[in-house]
Amino acid sequence: MEERHRILYPNETNNDILQAKNLTKCFRRATGQSLLAVDHLCFGISKGQCFGLLGINGAVRRIIFFKKLNFKSFSF
């Protein structure tokens, strides 16, 4: 919750080189129902910071990096 607040309400000491604000991703199931996979994700990465996303599978992490953040390639 603190990170979300820090990103959404920045101050002059914020020195992030990359920020994600309110990322959301829904998948449509074969039944037609939607599945919310990412719900308003907010984070920032400061210069020199080592960063990683943890989760139970790689699909959502790949969506965040490739689609939402416009990364072209990276290694796992």
N, C-alpha and C. Protein backbone atom coordinates (compact mmCIF):
# COMPACT_ATOMS: atom_id res chain seq x y z
N MET A 1 0.81 -1.19 0.00
CA MET A 1 0.00 0.00 0.00
C MET A 1 0.86 1.27 0.00
N GLU A 2 2.01 1.19 0.70
CA GLU A 2 2.89 2.36 0.73
C GLU A 2 3.45 2.67 -0.65
N GLU A 3 3.82 1.62 -1.40
CA GLU A 3 4.38 1.83 -2.74
C GLU A 3 3.33 2.45 -3.66
N ARG A 4 2.11 1.96 -3.58
CA ARG A 4 1.02 2.52 -4.39
C ARG A 4 0.84 4.01 -4.09
N HIS A 5 0.82 4.36 -2.82
CA HIS A 5 0.66 5.77 -2.43
C HIS A 5 1.86 6.59 -2.91
N ARG A 6 3.07 6.04 -2.78
CA ARG A 6 4.27 6.76 -3.22
C ARG A 6 4.24 7.06 -4.70
N ILE A 7 3.72 6.13 -5.50
CA ILE A 7 3.66 6.32 -6.95
C ILE A 7 2.53 7.26 -7.35
N LEU A 8 1.37 7.09 -6.75
CA LEU A 8 0.22 7.90 -7.14
C LEU A 8 0.27 9.33 -6.62
N TYR A 9 0.99 9.56 -5.52
CA TYR A 9 1.11 10.89 -4.93
C TYR A 9 2.58 11.22 -4.73
N PRO A 10 3.31 11.47 -5.84
CA PRO A 10 4.77 11.67 -5.75
C PRO A 10 5.13 13.00 -5.09
N ASN A 11 6.36 13.05 -4.59
CA ASN A 11 6.91 14.31 -4.09
C ASN A 11 8.24 14.57 -4.78
N GLU A 12 8.90 15.62 -4.40
CA GLU A 12 10.13 16.00 -5.10
C GLU A 12 11.31 15.08 -4.83
N THR A 13 11.23 14.20 -3.85
CA THR A 13 12.33 13.28 -3.56
C THR A 13 12.22 11.98 -4.36
N ASN A 14 11.21 11.83 -5.15
CA ASN A 14 11.02 10.62 -5.94
C ASN A 14 11.99 10.63 -7.11
N ASN A 15 12.89 9.63 -7.18
CA ASN A 15 13.90 9.59 -8.24
C ASN A 15 13.82 8.28 -9.02
N ASP A 16 12.61 7.79 -9.28
CA ASP A 16 12.43 6.55 -10.04
C ASP A 16 12.83 6.75 -11.50
N ILE A 17 13.46 5.71 -12.07
CA ILE A 17 13.78 5.76 -13.50
C ILE A 17 12.68 5.08 -14.31
N LEU A 18 11.82 4.32 -13.62
CA LEU A 18 10.69 3.68 -14.28
C LEU A 18 9.54 3.59 -13.29
N GLN A 19 8.34 3.94 -13.75
CA GLN A 19 7.15 3.83 -12.91
C GLN A 19 6.02 3.17 -13.68
N ALA A 20 5.27 2.36 -12.99
CA ALA A 20 4.04 1.78 -13.53
C ALA A 20 2.90 2.26 -12.66
N LYS A 21 1.86 2.79 -13.28
CA LYS A 21 0.73 3.31 -12.53
C LYS A 21 -0.56 2.64 -12.99
N ASN A 22 -1.23 2.01 -12.06
CA ASN A 22 -2.57 1.44 -12.28
C ASN A 22 -2.63 0.46 -13.46
N LEU A 23 -1.66 -0.44 -13.55
CA LEU A 23 -1.71 -1.46 -14.61
C LEU A 23 -2.79 -2.47 -14.28
N THR A 24 -3.64 -2.76 -15.26
CA THR A 24 -4.73 -3.72 -15.09
C THR A 24 -4.76 -4.63 -16.31
N LYS A 25 -5.00 -5.93 -16.08
CA LYS A 25 -5.10 -6.88 -17.19
C LYS A 25 -6.21 -7.88 -16.88
N CYS A 26 -7.11 -8.05 -17.82
CA CYS A 26 -8.19 -9.04 -17.72
C CYS A 26 -8.04 -10.04 -18.86
N PHE A 27 -8.32 -11.29 -18.56
CA PHE A 27 -8.36 -12.34 -19.57
C PHE A 27 -9.80 -12.78 -19.75
N ARG A 28 -10.17 -13.13 -20.95
CA ARG A 28 -11.50 -13.68 -21.20
C ARG A 28 -11.40 -15.19 -21.26
N ARG A 29 -12.16 -15.86 -20.41
CA ARG A 29 -12.18 -17.31 -20.38
C ARG A 29 -13.01 -17.84 -21.55
N ALA A 30 -12.88 -19.12 -21.83
CA ALA A 30 -13.64 -19.75 -22.91
C ALA A 30 -15.15 -19.65 -22.66
N THR A 31 -15.54 -19.54 -21.40
CA THR A 31 -16.96 -19.43 -21.04
C THR A 31 -17.51 -18.04 -21.28
N GLY A 32 -16.62 -17.09 -21.58
CA GLY A 32 -17.04 -15.71 -21.79
C GLY A 32 -16.85 -14.84 -20.56
N GLN A 33 -16.60 -15.46 -19.42
CA GLN A 33 -16.37 -14.70 -18.20
C GLN A 33 -14.98 -14.07 -18.24
N SER A 34 -14.84 -12.93 -17.60
CA SER A 34 -13.52 -12.29 -17.55
C SER A 34 -12.85 -12.63 -16.22
N LEU A 35 -11.53 -12.73 -16.29
CA LEU A 35 -10.71 -13.04 -15.12
C LEU A 35 -9.73 -11.89 -14.93
N LEU A 36 -9.81 -11.23 -13.80
CA LEU A 36 -8.91 -10.12 -13.49
C LEU A 36 -7.58 -10.69 -13.01
N ALA A 37 -6.53 -10.51 -13.78
CA ALA A 37 -5.22 -11.06 -13.44
C ALA A 37 -4.33 -10.04 -12.73
N VAL A 38 -4.42 -8.78 -13.11
CA VAL A 38 -3.64 -7.70 -12.50
C VAL A 38 -4.61 -6.57 -12.20
N ASP A 39 -4.64 -6.13 -10.96
CA ASP A 39 -5.63 -5.14 -10.52
C ASP A 39 -4.96 -3.86 -10.04
N HIS A 40 -4.81 -2.88 -10.92
CA HIS A 40 -4.27 -1.56 -10.60
C HIS A 40 -2.90 -1.65 -9.92
N LEU A 41 -1.97 -2.33 -10.56
CA LEU A 41 -0.61 -2.50 -10.05
C LEU A 41 0.16 -1.19 -10.18
N CYS A 42 0.82 -0.79 -9.11
CA CYS A 42 1.67 0.41 -9.11
C CYS A 42 3.02 0.06 -8.51
N PHE A 43 4.10 0.46 -9.18
CA PHE A 43 5.44 0.29 -8.61
C PHE A 43 6.40 1.24 -9.29
N GLY A 44 7.52 1.49 -8.62
CA GLY A 44 8.58 2.32 -9.18
C GLY A 44 9.91 1.63 -8.98
N ILE A 45 10.83 1.89 -9.89
CA ILE A 45 12.17 1.32 -9.80
C ILE A 45 13.16 2.48 -9.80
N SER A 46 13.98 2.52 -8.75
CA SER A 46 14.98 3.58 -8.63
C SER A 46 16.27 3.18 -9.34
N LYS A 47 17.09 4.16 -9.67
CA LYS A 47 18.37 3.91 -10.31
C LYS A 47 19.22 3.03 -9.40
N GLY A 48 19.79 1.96 -9.98
CA GLY A 48 20.64 1.05 -9.25
C GLY A 48 19.91 -0.03 -8.46
N GLN A 49 18.59 0.00 -8.48
CA GLN A 49 17.80 -0.98 -7.74
C GLN A 49 17.65 -2.27 -8.53
N CYS A 50 17.79 -3.40 -7.87
CA CYS A 50 17.53 -4.69 -8.47
C CYS A 50 16.05 -4.98 -8.29
N PHE A 51 15.36 -5.36 -9.37
CA PHE A 51 13.91 -5.49 -9.33
C PHE A 51 13.46 -6.80 -9.95
N GLY A 52 12.44 -7.40 -9.38
CA GLY A 52 11.86 -8.62 -9.95
C GLY A 52 10.41 -8.74 -9.54
N LEU A 53 9.64 -9.43 -10.36
CA LEU A 53 8.25 -9.73 -10.03
C LEU A 53 8.13 -11.20 -9.72
N LEU A 54 7.48 -11.53 -8.62
CA LEU A 54 7.29 -12.91 -8.22
C LEU A 54 5.83 -13.29 -8.43
N GLY A 55 5.61 -14.55 -8.77
CA GLY A 55 4.25 -15.03 -8.94
C GLY A 55 4.24 -16.52 -9.22
N ILE A 56 3.03 -17.07 -9.33
CA ILE A 56 2.91 -18.52 -9.49
C ILE A 56 3.14 -18.99 -10.92
N ASN A 57 2.97 -18.12 -11.89
CA ASN A 57 3.29 -18.49 -13.27
C ASN A 57 3.83 -17.27 -14.00
N GLY A 58 4.35 -17.47 -15.19
CA GLY A 58 5.03 -16.39 -15.88
C GLY A 58 4.18 -15.53 -16.80
N ALA A 59 2.96 -15.93 -17.06
CA ALA A 59 2.15 -15.23 -18.06
C ALA A 59 1.91 -13.77 -17.70
N VAL A 60 1.49 -13.51 -16.49
CA VAL A 60 1.18 -12.13 -16.09
C VAL A 60 2.44 -11.29 -16.04
N ARG A 61 3.55 -11.86 -15.55
CA ARG A 61 4.81 -11.10 -15.54
C ARG A 61 5.23 -10.72 -16.95
N ARG A 62 5.10 -11.64 -17.89
CA ARG A 62 5.46 -11.34 -19.28
C ARG A 62 4.57 -10.23 -19.84
N ILE A 63 3.29 -10.27 -19.54
CA ILE A 63 2.37 -9.22 -20.01
C ILE A 63 2.80 -7.87 -19.48
N ILE A 64 3.13 -7.81 -18.19
CA ILE A 64 3.53 -6.54 -17.58
C ILE A 64 4.78 -6.00 -18.26
N PHE A 65 5.80 -6.84 -18.46
CA PHE A 65 7.05 -6.35 -19.04
C PHE A 65 6.94 -6.09 -20.54
N PHE A 66 6.38 -7.00 -21.30
CA PHE A 66 6.36 -6.85 -22.75
C PHE A 66 5.30 -5.86 -23.23
N LYS A 67 4.08 -6.02 -22.80
CA LYS A 67 2.98 -5.21 -23.32
C LYS A 67 2.86 -3.86 -22.64
N LYS A 68 2.84 -3.86 -21.33
CA LYS A 68 2.56 -2.63 -20.60
C LYS A 68 3.77 -1.70 -20.51
N LEU A 69 4.97 -2.29 -20.34
CA LEU A 69 6.16 -1.45 -20.18
C LEU A 69 6.97 -1.31 -21.45
N ASN A 70 6.52 -1.97 -22.52
CA ASN A 70 7.15 -1.84 -23.83
C ASN A 70 8.58 -2.36 -23.87
N PHE A 71 8.91 -3.37 -23.08
CA PHE A 71 10.22 -3.98 -23.15
C PHE A 71 10.26 -4.88 -24.38
N LYS A 72 11.36 -4.88 -25.08
CA LYS A 72 11.48 -5.70 -26.29
C LYS A 72 11.98 -7.09 -25.96
N SER A 73 12.92 -7.22 -25.03
CA SER A 73 13.42 -8.54 -24.65
C SER A 73 14.09 -8.45 -23.30
N PHE A 74 14.11 -9.56 -22.61
CA PHE A 74 14.84 -9.70 -21.36
C PHE A 74 14.99 -11.18 -21.07
N SER A 75 15.86 -11.54 -20.16
CA SER A 75 16.07 -12.95 -19.85
C SER A 75 15.51 -13.27 -18.48
N PHE A 76 15.10 -14.53 -18.32
CA PHE A 76 14.54 -14.98 -17.05
C PHE A 76 15.62 -15.60 -16.21
